[in-house]
Amino acid sequence: MAEAVNWRGGWDLALEEAKKAKRPVVLELYLEGCPHCQKLDLETHSDAAVAAALNTRFIPVRLEGRGHMDLVRKLEVPGAPTTLILSPEGQELHRFAGFKPPQEYLEELKKFG
């Protein structure tokens, strides 16, 4: 079975963990029912190399945007899916939007972790 991403479900706890581990955070904001979000999850997040990178080099968090509008507004996220890479202190380092196949997603991650 392919390695699964160990998504954290809470923003504050993930940020605390990132500070302690001194690892950047990958925050994935998605919308329930969004076809690009589903494709990203099914095709890219399920890729073994993507899952391994997210689990070993980052603190991965995946949140449904409508349930976290405070964060969506604070980070000025215009649409879903949006992937943000943040420092352990929560400062944005990089972002990319939309579906990315596994290799392209990994290229984005390699820039920061």
PDB file of N, CA and C in Angstrom:
ATOM      1  N   MET A   1       0.842  -1.198   0.000  1.00  0.00           N
ATOM      2  CA  MET A   1       0.000   0.000   0.000  1.00  0.00           C
ATOM      3  C   MET A   1       0.876   1.245   0.000  1.00  0.00           C
ATOM      4  N   ALA A   2       0.466   2.238  -0.731  1.00  0.00           N
ATOM      5  CA  ALA A   2       1.234   3.489  -0.827  1.00  0.00           C
ATOM      6  C   ALA A   2       1.206   4.228   0.506  1.00  0.00           C
ATOM      7  N   GLU A   3       2.268   4.948   0.746  1.00  0.00           N
ATOM      8  CA  GLU A   3       2.350   5.758   1.950  1.00  0.00           C
ATOM      9  C   GLU A   3       1.297   6.864   1.881  1.00  0.00           C
ATOM     10  N   ALA A   4       0.649   7.107   3.012  1.00  0.00           N
ATOM     11  CA  ALA A   4      -0.368   8.153   3.061  1.00  0.00           C
ATOM     12  C   ALA A   4       0.216   9.397   3.726  1.00  0.00           C
ATOM     13  N   VAL A   5      -0.295  10.548   3.328  1.00  0.00           N
ATOM     14  CA  VAL A   5       0.131  11.799   3.954  1.00  0.00           C
ATOM     15  C   VAL A   5      -0.472  11.864   5.349  1.00  0.00           C
ATOM     16  N   ASN A   6       0.340  12.209   6.312  1.00  0.00           N
ATOM     17  CA  ASN A   6      -0.101  12.350   7.699  1.00  0.00           C
ATOM     18  C   ASN A   6      -0.615  13.780   7.913  1.00  0.00           C
ATOM     19  N   TRP A   7      -1.778  14.081   7.328  1.00  0.00           N
ATOM     20  CA  TRP A   7      -2.344  15.428   7.423  1.00  0.00           C
ATOM     21  C   TRP A   7      -2.693  15.762   8.859  1.00  0.00           C
ATOM     22  N   ARG A   8      -2.363  16.968   9.263  1.00  0.00           N
ATOM     23  CA  ARG A   8      -2.806  17.470  10.550  1.00  0.00           C
ATOM     24  C   ARG A   8      -4.118  18.194  10.300  1.00  0.00           C
ATOM     25  N   GLY A   9      -5.035  18.086  11.230  1.00  0.00           N
ATOM     26  CA  GLY A   9      -6.356  18.672  11.043  1.00  0.00           C
ATOM     27  C   GLY A   9      -6.541  20.024  11.695  1.00  0.00           C
ATOM     28  N   GLY A  10      -5.548  20.463  12.462  1.00  0.00           N
ATOM     29  CA  GLY A  10      -5.689  21.728  13.167  1.00  0.00           C
ATOM     30  C   GLY A  10      -4.523  22.656  12.899  1.00  0.00           C
ATOM     31  N   TRP A  11      -4.822  23.889  12.559  1.00  0.00           N
ATOM     32  CA  TRP A  11      -3.805  24.870  12.201  1.00  0.00           C
ATOM     33  C   TRP A  11      -2.888  25.209  13.385  1.00  0.00           C
ATOM     34  N   ASP A  12      -3.459  25.550  14.526  1.00  0.00           N
ATOM     35  CA  ASP A  12      -2.654  25.984  15.674  1.00  0.00           C
ATOM     36  C   ASP A  12      -1.714  24.878  16.158  1.00  0.00           C
ATOM     37  N   LEU A  13      -2.231  23.662  16.256  1.00  0.00           N
ATOM     38  CA  LEU A  13      -1.394  22.544  16.703  1.00  0.00           C
ATOM     39  C   LEU A  13      -0.290  22.241  15.694  1.00  0.00           C
ATOM     40  N   ALA A  14      -0.602  22.347  14.416  1.00  0.00           N
ATOM     41  CA  ALA A  14       0.402  22.099  13.372  1.00  0.00           C
ATOM     42  C   ALA A  14       1.515  23.136  13.444  1.00  0.00           C
ATOM     43  N   LEU A  15       1.152  24.385  13.708  1.00  0.00           N
ATOM     44  CA  LEU A  15       2.148  25.453  13.816  1.00  0.00           C
ATOM     45  C   LEU A  15       3.053  25.228  15.033  1.00  0.00           C
ATOM     46  N   GLU A  16       2.466  24.798  16.137  1.00  0.00           N
ATOM     47  CA  GLU A  16       3.264  24.466  17.329  1.00  0.00           C
ATOM     48  C   GLU A  16       4.242  23.338  17.009  1.00  0.00           C
ATOM     49  N   GLU A  17       3.747  22.304  16.339  1.00  0.00           N
ATOM     50  CA  GLU A  17       4.585  21.162  15.966  1.00  0.00           C
ATOM     51  C   GLU A  17       5.710  21.606  15.037  1.00  0.00           C
ATOM     52  N   ALA A  18       5.407  22.476  14.080  1.00  0.00           N
ATOM     53  CA  ALA A  18       6.411  22.965  13.134  1.00  0.00           C
ATOM     54  C   ALA A  18       7.524  23.720  13.862  1.00  0.00           C
ATOM     55  N   LYS A  19       7.157  24.541  14.829  1.00  0.00           N
ATOM     56  CA  LYS A  19       8.157  25.292  15.598  1.00  0.00           C
ATOM     57  C   LYS A  19       9.076  24.347  16.353  1.00  0.00           C
ATOM     58  N   LYS A  20       8.480  23.345  16.998  1.00  0.00           N
ATOM     59  CA  LYS A  20       9.280  22.376  17.763  1.00  0.00           C
ATOM     60  C   LYS A  20      10.185  21.550  16.848  1.00  0.00           C
ATOM     61  N   ALA A  21       9.657  21.147  15.690  1.00  0.00           N
ATOM     62  CA  ALA A  21      10.406  20.298  14.757  1.00  0.00           C
ATOM     63  C   ALA A  21      11.317  21.110  13.836  1.00  0.00           C
ATOM     64  N   LYS A  22      11.139  22.447  13.833  1.00  0.00           N
ATOM     65  CA  LYS A  22      11.898  23.326  12.933  1.00  0.00           C
ATOM     66  C   LYS A  22      11.737  22.892  11.472  1.00  0.00           C
ATOM     67  N   ARG A  23      10.474  22.599  11.126  1.00  0.00           N
ATOM     68  CA  ARG A  23      10.148  22.200   9.755  1.00  0.00           C
ATOM     69  C   ARG A  23       9.076  23.132   9.205  1.00  0.00           C
ATOM     70  N   PRO A  24       9.140  23.447   7.902  1.00  0.00           N
ATOM     71  CA  PRO A  24       8.098  24.283   7.309  1.00  0.00           C
ATOM     72  C   PRO A  24       6.752  23.557   7.274  1.00  0.00           C
ATOM     73  N   VAL A  25       5.711  24.336   7.146  1.00  0.00           N
ATOM     74  CA  VAL A  25       4.347  23.822   7.061  1.00  0.00           C
ATOM     75  C   VAL A  25       3.895  23.862   5.605  1.00  0.00           C
ATOM     76  N   VAL A  26       3.245  22.793   5.157  1.00  0.00           N
ATOM     77  CA  VAL A  26       2.532  22.820   3.879  1.00  0.00           C
ATOM     78  C   VAL A  26       1.055  22.862   4.245  1.00  0.00           C
ATOM     79  N   LEU A  27       0.420  23.969   3.891  1.00  0.00           N
ATOM     80  CA  LEU A  27      -1.004  24.146   4.154  1.00  0.00           C
ATOM     81  C   LEU A  27      -1.760  24.028   2.843  1.00  0.00           C
ATOM     82  N   GLU A  28      -2.622  23.042   2.791  1.00  0.00           N
ATOM     83  CA  GLU A  28      -3.451  22.797   1.611  1.00  0.00           C
ATOM     84  C   GLU A  28      -4.863  23.246   1.948  1.00  0.00           C
ATOM     85  N   LEU A  29      -5.348  24.270   1.238  1.00  0.00           N
ATOM     86  CA  LEU A  29      -6.723  24.722   1.419  1.00  0.00           C
ATOM     87  C   LEU A  29      -7.541  24.229   0.238  1.00  0.00           C
ATOM     88  N   TYR A  30      -8.620  23.512   0.548  1.00  0.00           N
ATOM     89  CA  TYR A  30      -9.451  22.920  -0.504  1.00  0.00           C
ATOM     90  C   TYR A  30     -10.912  23.231  -0.214  1.00  0.00           C
ATOM     91  N   LEU A  31     -11.763  22.941  -1.175  1.00  0.00           N
ATOM     92  CA  LEU A  31     -13.206  23.059  -0.990  1.00  0.00           C
ATOM     93  C   LEU A  31     -13.853  21.711  -1.263  1.00  0.00           C
ATOM     94  N   GLU A  32     -14.761  21.323  -0.402  1.00  0.00           N
ATOM     95  CA  GLU A  32     -15.512  20.087  -0.593  1.00  0.00           C
ATOM     96  C   GLU A  32     -16.277  20.195  -1.919  1.00  0.00           C
ATOM     97  N   GLY A  33     -16.190  19.171  -2.757  1.00  0.00           N
ATOM     98  CA  GLY A  33     -16.888  19.160  -4.032  1.00  0.00           C
ATOM     99  C   GLY A  33     -16.122  19.799  -5.185  1.00  0.00           C
ATOM    100  N   CYS A  34     -14.953  20.353  -4.922  1.00  0.00           N
ATOM    101  CA  CYS A  34     -14.134  20.997  -5.958  1.00  0.00           C
ATOM    102  C   CYS A  34     -13.403  19.909  -6.753  1.00  0.00           C
ATOM    103  N   PRO A  35     -13.636  19.814  -8.087  1.00  0.00           N
ATOM    104  CA  PRO A  35     -13.003  18.745  -8.868  1.00  0.00           C
ATOM    105  C   PRO A  35     -11.475  18.817  -8.893  1.00  0.00           C
ATOM    106  N   HIS A  36     -10.903  20.021  -8.946  1.00  0.00           N
ATOM    107  CA  HIS A  36      -9.447  20.141  -8.955  1.00  0.00           C
ATOM    108  C   HIS A  36      -8.861  19.723  -7.596  1.00  0.00           C
ATOM    109  N   CYS A  37      -9.580  20.028  -6.537  1.00  0.00           N
ATOM    110  CA  CYS A  37      -9.145  19.639  -5.190  1.00  0.00           C
ATOM    111  C   CYS A  37      -9.151  18.114  -5.058  1.00  0.00           C
ATOM    112  N   GLN A  38     -10.214  17.486  -5.566  1.00  0.00           N
ATOM    113  CA  GLN A  38     -10.314  16.026  -5.504  1.00  0.00           C
ATOM    114  C   GLN A  38      -9.211  15.369  -6.321  1.00  0.00           C
ATOM    115  N   LYS A  39      -8.950  15.924  -7.505  1.00  0.00           N
ATOM    116  CA  LYS A  39      -7.910  15.363  -8.380  1.00  0.00           C
ATOM    117  C   LYS A  39      -6.544  15.486  -7.707  1.00  0.00           C
ATOM    118  N   LEU A  40      -6.287  16.642  -7.079  1.00  0.00           N
ATOM    119  CA  LEU A  40      -5.021  16.849  -6.370  1.00  0.00           C
ATOM    120  C   LEU A  40      -4.857  15.808  -5.265  1.00  0.00           C
ATOM    121  N   ASP A  41      -5.926  15.580  -4.517  1.00  0.00           N
ATOM    122  CA  ASP A  41      -5.867  14.622  -3.419  1.00  0.00           C
ATOM    123  C   ASP A  41      -5.704  13.194  -3.925  1.00  0.00           C
ATOM    124  N   LEU A  42      -6.500  12.820  -4.925  1.00  0.00           N
ATOM    125  CA  LEU A  42      -6.476  11.440  -5.424  1.00  0.00           C
ATOM    126  C   LEU A  42      -5.216  11.096  -6.214  1.00  0.00           C
ATOM    127  N   GLU A  43      -4.746  12.024  -7.040  1.00  0.00           N
ATOM    128  CA  GLU A  43      -3.614  11.711  -7.916  1.00  0.00           C
ATOM    129  C   GLU A  43      -2.264  12.146  -7.350  1.00  0.00           C
ATOM    130  N   THR A  44      -2.216  13.296  -6.724  1.00  0.00           N
ATOM    131  CA  THR A  44      -0.929  13.834  -6.289  1.00  0.00           C
ATOM    132  C   THR A  44      -0.604  13.453  -4.853  1.00  0.00           C
ATOM    133  N   HIS A  45      -1.540  13.687  -3.947  1.00  0.00           N
ATOM    134  CA  HIS A  45      -1.262  13.371  -2.539  1.00  0.00           C
ATOM    135  C   HIS A  45      -1.082  11.876  -2.313  1.00  0.00           C
ATOM    136  N   SER A  46      -1.669  11.057  -3.174  1.00  0.00           N
ATOM    137  CA  SER A  46      -1.546   9.605  -3.011  1.00  0.00           C
ATOM    138  C   SER A  46      -0.247   9.060  -3.604  1.00  0.00           C
ATOM    139  N   ASP A  47       0.516   9.898  -4.304  1.00  0.00           N
ATOM    140  CA  ASP A  47       1.792   9.477  -4.874  1.00  0.00           C
ATOM    141  C   ASP A  47       2.791   9.225  -3.738  1.00  0.00           C
ATOM    142  N   ALA A  48       3.482   8.097  -3.780  1.00  0.00           N
ATOM    143  CA  ALA A  48       4.385   7.711  -2.684  1.00  0.00           C
ATOM    144  C   ALA A  48       5.483   8.745  -2.449  1.00  0.00           C
ATOM    145  N   ALA A  49       6.064   9.285  -3.510  1.00  0.00           N
ATOM    146  CA  ALA A  49       7.147  10.269  -3.348  1.00  0.00           C
ATOM    147  C   ALA A  49       6.625  11.576  -2.748  1.00  0.00           C
ATOM    148  N   VAL A  50       5.426  11.985  -3.154  1.00  0.00           N
ATOM    149  CA  VAL A  50       4.826  13.207  -2.597  1.00  0.00           C
ATOM    150  C   VAL A  50       4.521  12.988  -1.117  1.00  0.00           C
ATOM    151  N   ALA A  51       3.908  11.862  -0.796  1.00  0.00           N
ATOM    152  CA  ALA A  51       3.573  11.573   0.601  1.00  0.00           C
ATOM    153  C   ALA A  51       4.837  11.526   1.460  1.00  0.00           C
ATOM    154  N   ALA A  52       5.880  10.878   0.967  1.00  0.00           N
ATOM    155  CA  ALA A  52       7.136  10.780   1.719  1.00  0.00           C
ATOM    156  C   ALA A  52       7.739  12.170   1.945  1.00  0.00           C
ATOM    157  N   ALA A  53       7.739  13.006   0.912  1.00  0.00           N
ATOM    158  CA  ALA A  53       8.292  14.361   1.048  1.00  0.00           C
ATOM    159  C   ALA A  53       7.497  15.167   2.067  1.00  0.00           C
ATOM    160  N   LEU A  54       6.179  15.122   1.956  1.00  0.00           N
ATOM    161  CA  LEU A  54       5.338  15.879   2.893  1.00  0.00           C
ATOM    162  C   LEU A  54       5.527  15.394   4.327  1.00  0.00           C
ATOM    163  N   ASN A  55       5.605  14.078   4.523  1.00  0.00           N
ATOM    164  CA  ASN A  55       5.701  13.527   5.877  1.00  0.00           C
ATOM    165  C   ASN A  55       7.066  13.707   6.517  1.00  0.00           C
ATOM    166  N   THR A  56       8.136  13.746   5.730  1.00  0.00           N
ATOM    167  CA  THR A  56       9.471  13.788   6.320  1.00  0.00           C
ATOM    168  C   THR A  56      10.081  15.185   6.374  1.00  0.00           C
ATOM    169  N   ARG A  57       9.684  16.071   5.457  1.00  0.00           N
ATOM    170  CA  ARG A  57      10.340  17.382   5.391  1.00  0.00           C
ATOM    171  C   ARG A  57       9.451  18.539   5.817  1.00  0.00           C
ATOM    172  N   PHE A  58       8.152  18.271   5.972  1.00  0.00           N
ATOM    173  CA  PHE A  58       7.189  19.323   6.286  1.00  0.00           C
ATOM    174  C   PHE A  58       6.227  18.864   7.377  1.00  0.00           C
ATOM    175  N   ILE A  59       5.440  19.803   7.859  1.00  0.00           N
ATOM    176  CA  ILE A  59       4.275  19.488   8.682  1.00  0.00           C
ATOM    177  C   ILE A  59       3.076  19.754   7.771  1.00  0.00           C
ATOM    178  N   PRO A  60       2.439  18.702   7.238  1.00  0.00           N
ATOM    179  CA  PRO A  60       1.337  18.902   6.292  1.00  0.00           C
ATOM    180  C   PRO A  60      -0.011  19.111   6.987  1.00  0.00           C
ATOM    181  N   VAL A  61      -0.735  20.129   6.527  1.00  0.00           N
ATOM    182  CA  VAL A  61      -2.061  20.452   7.054  1.00  0.00           C
ATOM    183  C   VAL A  61      -3.003  20.595   5.874  1.00  0.00           C
ATOM    184  N   ARG A  62      -4.146  19.957   5.944  1.00  0.00           N
ATOM    185  CA  ARG A  62      -5.147  20.067   4.867  1.00  0.00           C
ATOM    186  C   ARG A  62      -6.459  20.487   5.507  1.00  0.00           C
ATOM    187  N   LEU A  63      -6.938  21.666   5.096  1.00  0.00           N
ATOM    188  CA  LEU A  63      -8.145  22.223   5.700  1.00  0.00           C
ATOM    189  C   LEU A  63      -9.164  22.603   4.635  1.00  0.00           C
ATOM    190  N   GLU A  64     -10.432  22.380   4.943  1.00  0.00           N
ATOM    191  CA  GLU A  64     -11.527  22.789   4.063  1.00  0.00           C
ATOM    192  C   GLU A  64     -11.723  24.284   4.250  1.00  0.00           C
ATOM    193  N   GLY A  65     -11.600  25.031   3.165  1.00  0.00           N
ATOM    194  CA  GLY A  65     -11.592  26.489   3.228  1.00  0.00           C
ATOM    195  C   GLY A  65     -12.806  27.114   3.874  1.00  0.00           C
ATOM    196  N   ARG A  66     -13.998  26.602   3.565  1.00  0.00           N
ATOM    197  CA  ARG A  66     -15.216  27.213   4.108  1.00  0.00           C
ATOM    198  C   ARG A  66     -15.251  27.137   5.631  1.00  0.00           C
ATOM    199  N   GLY A  67     -14.632  26.120   6.179  1.00  0.00           N
ATOM    200  CA  GLY A  67     -14.605  25.967   7.631  1.00  0.00           C
ATOM    201  C   GLY A  67     -13.489  26.758   8.296  1.00  0.00           C
ATOM    202  N   HIS A  68     -12.653  27.401   7.508  1.00  0.00           N
ATOM    203  CA  HIS A  68     -11.508  28.144   8.042  1.00  0.00           C
ATOM    204  C   HIS A  68     -11.380  29.496   7.333  1.00  0.00           C
ATOM    205  N   MET A  69     -12.510  30.202   7.234  1.00  0.00           N
ATOM    206  CA  MET A  69     -12.526  31.473   6.502  1.00  0.00           C
ATOM    207  C   MET A  69     -11.603  32.523   7.133  1.00  0.00           C
ATOM    208  N   ASP A  70     -11.395  32.449   8.433  1.00  0.00           N
ATOM    209  CA  ASP A  70     -10.463  33.387   9.080  1.00  0.00           C
ATOM    210  C   ASP A  70      -9.067  33.233   8.488  1.00  0.00           C
ATOM    211  N   LEU A  71      -8.639  31.996   8.305  1.00  0.00           N
ATOM    212  CA  LEU A  71      -7.321  31.704   7.727  1.00  0.00           C
ATOM    213  C   LEU A  71      -7.291  32.063   6.234  1.00  0.00           C
ATOM    214  N   VAL A  72      -8.360  31.758   5.524  1.00  0.00           N
ATOM    215  CA  VAL A  72      -8.452  32.081   4.095  1.00  0.00           C
ATOM    216  C   VAL A  72      -8.314  33.592   3.899  1.00  0.00           C
ATOM    217  N   ARG A  73      -9.005  34.363   4.729  1.00  0.00           N
ATOM    218  CA  ARG A  73      -8.927  35.823   4.623  1.00  0.00           C
ATOM    219  C   ARG A  73      -7.553  36.339   5.027  1.00  0.00           C
ATOM    220  N   LYS A  74      -7.043  35.829   6.140  1.00  0.00           N
ATOM    221  CA  LYS A  74      -5.726  36.271   6.633  1.00  0.00           C
ATOM    222  C   LYS A  74      -4.635  36.033   5.594  1.00  0.00           C
ATOM    223  N   LEU A  75      -4.684  34.879   4.937  1.00  0.00           N
ATOM    224  CA  LEU A  75      -3.658  34.516   3.958  1.00  0.00           C
ATOM    225  C   LEU A  75      -4.011  34.973   2.538  1.00  0.00           C
ATOM    226  N   GLU A  76      -5.176  35.620   2.398  1.00  0.00           N
ATOM    227  CA  GLU A  76      -5.617  36.149   1.105  1.00  0.00           C
ATOM    228  C   GLU A  76      -5.606  35.080   0.016  1.00  0.00           C
ATOM    229  N   VAL A  77      -6.285  33.981   0.304  1.00  0.00           N
ATOM    230  CA  VAL A  77      -6.380  32.862  -0.633  1.00  0.00           C
ATOM    231  C   VAL A  77      -7.605  33.072  -1.520  1.00  0.00           C
ATOM    232  N   PRO A  78      -7.412  33.258  -2.838  1.00  0.00           N
ATOM    233  CA  PRO A  78      -8.527  33.579  -3.727  1.00  0.00           C
ATOM    234  C   PRO A  78      -9.325  32.377  -4.227  1.00  0.00           C
ATOM    235  N   GLY A  79      -8.763  31.177  -4.162  1.00  0.00           N
ATOM    236  CA  GLY A  79      -9.466  30.017  -4.703  1.00  0.00           C
ATOM    237  C   GLY A  79      -8.863  28.723  -4.218  1.00  0.00           C
ATOM    238  N   ALA A  80      -9.482  27.627  -4.628  1.00  0.00           N
ATOM    239  CA  ALA A  80      -9.032  26.317  -4.186  1.00  0.00           C
ATOM    240  C   ALA A  80      -8.845  25.406  -5.398  1.00  0.00           C
ATOM    241  N   PRO A  81      -7.903  24.476  -5.291  1.00  0.00           N
ATOM    242  CA  PRO A  81      -6.991  24.312  -4.163  1.00  0.00           C
ATOM    243  C   PRO A  81      -5.841  25.317  -4.215  1.00  0.00           C
ATOM    244  N   THR A  82      -5.412  25.718  -3.049  1.00  0.00           N
ATOM    245  CA  THR A  82      -4.215  26.547  -2.923  1.00  0.00           C
ATOM    246  C   THR A  82      -3.300  25.874  -1.923  1.00  0.00           C
ATOM    247  N   THR A  83      -2.041  25.736  -2.292  1.00  0.00           N
ATOM    248  CA  THR A  83      -1.022  25.152  -1.432  1.00  0.00           C
ATOM    249  C   THR A  83      -0.080  26.259  -0.999  1.00  0.00           C
ATOM    250  N   LEU A  84       0.103  26.399   0.302  1.00  0.00           N
ATOM    251  CA  LEU A  84       1.011  27.399   0.845  1.00  0.00           C
ATOM    252  C   LEU A  84       2.128  26.704   1.603  1.00  0.00           C
ATOM    253  N   ILE A  85       3.329  27.183   1.420  1.00  0.00           N
ATOM    254  CA  ILE A  85       4.467  26.708   2.203  1.00  0.00           C
ATOM    255  C   ILE A  85       4.817  27.851   3.142  1.00  0.00           C
ATOM    256  N   LEU A  86       4.814  27.548   4.427  1.00  0.00           N
ATOM    257  CA  LEU A  86       5.043  28.566   5.445  1.00  0.00           C
ATOM    258  C   LEU A  86       6.205  28.173   6.343  1.00  0.00           C
ATOM    259  N   SER A  87       6.889  29.167   6.856  1.00  0.00           N
ATOM    260  CA  SER A  87       7.966  28.923   7.807  1.00  0.00           C
ATOM    261  C   SER A  87       7.365  28.331   9.080  1.00  0.00           C
ATOM    262  N   PRO A  88       8.208  27.763   9.964  1.00  0.00           N
ATOM    263  CA  PRO A  88       7.687  27.247  11.226  1.00  0.00           C
ATOM    264  C   PRO A  88       6.991  28.331  12.066  1.00  0.00           C
ATOM    265  N   GLU A  89       7.282  29.592  11.773  1.00  0.00           N
ATOM    266  CA  GLU A  89       6.648  30.701  12.497  1.00  0.00           C
ATOM    267  C   GLU A  89       5.353  31.149  11.815  1.00  0.00           C
ATOM    268  N   GLY A  90       5.010  30.535  10.682  1.00  0.00           N
ATOM    269  CA  GLY A  90       3.765  30.860  10.012  1.00  0.00           C
ATOM    270  C   GLY A  90       3.875  31.935   8.947  1.00  0.00           C
ATOM    271  N   GLN A  91       5.100  32.321   8.583  1.00  0.00           N
ATOM    272  CA  GLN A  91       5.285  33.319   7.522  1.00  0.00           C
ATOM    273  C   GLN A  91       5.259  32.625   6.163  1.00  0.00           C
ATOM    274  N   GLU A  92       4.507  33.200   5.228  1.00  0.00           N
ATOM    275  CA  GLU A  92       4.408  32.595   3.899  1.00  0.00           C
ATOM    276  C   GLU A  92       5.740  32.685   3.167  1.00  0.00           C
ATOM    277  N   LEU A  93       6.166  31.538   2.629  1.00  0.00           N
ATOM    278  CA  LEU A  93       7.393  31.461   1.844  1.00  0.00           C
ATOM    279  C   LEU A  93       7.086  31.322   0.356  1.00  0.00           C
ATOM    280  N   HIS A  94       5.985  30.610   0.059  1.00  0.00           N
ATOM    281  CA  HIS A  94       5.676  30.287  -1.331  1.00  0.00           C
ATOM    282  C   HIS A  94       4.232  29.805  -1.398  1.00  0.00           C
ATOM    283  N   ARG A  95       3.621  29.957  -2.555  1.00  0.00           N
ATOM    284  CA  ARG A  95       2.282  29.393  -2.776  1.00  0.00           C
ATOM    285  C   ARG A  95       2.132  28.996  -4.228  1.00  0.00           C
ATOM    286  N   PHE A  96       1.272  28.030  -4.443  1.00  0.00           N
ATOM    287  CA  PHE A  96       0.887  27.666  -5.803  1.00  0.00           C
ATOM    288  C   PHE A  96      -0.560  27.201  -5.771  1.00  0.00           C
ATOM    289  N   ALA A  97      -1.247  27.459  -6.864  1.00  0.00           N
ATOM    290  CA  ALA A  97      -2.679  27.187  -6.915  1.00  0.00           C
ATOM    291  C   ALA A  97      -2.993  26.133  -7.958  1.00  0.00           C
ATOM    292  N   GLY A  98      -4.122  25.484  -7.761  1.00  0.00           N
ATOM    293  CA  GLY A  98      -4.627  24.531  -8.729  1.00  0.00           C
ATOM    294  C   GLY A  98      -4.001  23.151  -8.616  1.00  0.00           C
ATOM    295  N   PHE A  99      -4.389  22.314  -9.535  1.00  0.00           N
ATOM    296  CA  PHE A  99      -3.880  20.945  -9.590  1.00  0.00           C
ATOM    297  C   PHE A  99      -2.464  20.926 -10.138  1.00  0.00           C
ATOM    298  N   LYS A 100      -1.604  20.153  -9.513  1.00  0.00           N
ATOM    299  CA  LYS A 100      -0.252  19.886 -10.023  1.00  0.00           C
ATOM    300  C   LYS A 100      -0.068  18.369  -9.988  1.00  0.00           C
ATOM    301  N   PRO A 101       0.412  17.791 -11.096  1.00  0.00           N
ATOM    302  CA  PRO A 101       0.731  16.370 -11.059  1.00  0.00           C
ATOM    303  C   PRO A 101       1.898  16.133 -10.097  1.00  0.00           C
ATOM    304  N   PRO A 102       2.103  14.891  -9.664  1.00  0.00           N
ATOM    305  CA  PRO A 102       3.112  14.614  -8.637  1.00  0.00           C
ATOM    306  C   PRO A 102       4.487  15.231  -8.896  1.00  0.00           C
ATOM    307  N   GLN A 103       5.020  15.095 -10.108  1.00  0.00           N
ATOM    308  CA  GLN A 103       6.369  15.603 -10.362  1.00  0.00           C
ATOM    309  C   GLN A 103       6.444  17.116 -10.207  1.00  0.00           C
ATOM    310  N   GLU A 104       5.445  17.832 -10.712  1.00  0.00           N
ATOM    311  CA  GLU A 104       5.417  19.293 -10.577  1.00  0.00           C
ATOM    312  C   GLU A 104       5.243  19.703  -9.110  1.00  0.00           C
ATOM    313  N   TYR A 105       4.414  18.980  -8.393  1.00  0.00           N
ATOM    314  CA  TYR A 105       4.192  19.252  -6.967  1.00  0.00           C
ATOM    315  C   TYR A 105       5.505  19.084  -6.199  1.00  0.00           C
ATOM    316  N   LEU A 106       6.223  18.010  -6.507  1.00  0.00           N
ATOM    317  CA  LEU A 106       7.519  17.766  -5.859  1.00  0.00           C
ATOM    318  C   LEU A 106       8.519  18.872  -6.180  1.00  0.00           C
ATOM    319  N   GLU A 107       8.506  19.358  -7.408  1.00  0.00           N
ATOM    320  CA  GLU A 107       9.410  20.465  -7.785  1.00  0.00           C
ATOM    321  C   GLU A 107       9.120  21.699  -6.935  1.00  0.00           C
ATOM    322  N   GLU A 108       7.856  21.982  -6.682  1.00  0.00           N
ATOM    323  CA  GLU A 108       7.491  23.120  -5.822  1.00  0.00           C
ATOM    324  C   GLU A 108       8.001  22.889  -4.402  1.00  0.00           C
ATOM    325  N   LEU A 109       7.832  21.676  -3.885  1.00  0.00           N
ATOM    326  CA  LEU A 109       8.258  21.370  -2.515  1.00  0.00           C
ATOM    327  C   LEU A 109       9.777  21.462  -2.366  1.00  0.00           C
ATOM    328  N   LYS A 110      10.509  21.039  -3.389  1.00  0.00           N
ATOM    329  CA  LYS A 110      11.992  21.026  -3.323  1.00  0.00           C
ATOM    330  C   LYS A 110      12.575  22.421  -3.117  1.00  0.00           C
ATOM    331  N   LYS A 111      11.824  23.449  -3.458  1.00  0.00           N
ATOM    332  CA  LYS A 111      12.312  24.810  -3.302  1.00  0.00           C
ATOM    333  C   LYS A 111      12.451  25.194  -1.824  1.00  0.00           C
ATOM    334  N   PHE A 112      11.780  24.450  -0.931  1.00  0.00           N
ATOM    335  CA  PHE A 112      11.717  24.887   0.469  1.00  0.00           C
ATOM    336  C   PHE A 112      11.946  23.831   1.521  1.00  0.00           C
ATOM    337  N   GLY A 113      12.208  22.595   1.150  1.00  0.00           N
ATOM    338  CA  GLY A 113      12.368  21.624   2.219  1.00  0.00           C
ATOM    339  C   GLY A 113      13.204  20.454   1.832  1.00  0.00           C
TER     340      GLY A 113
END
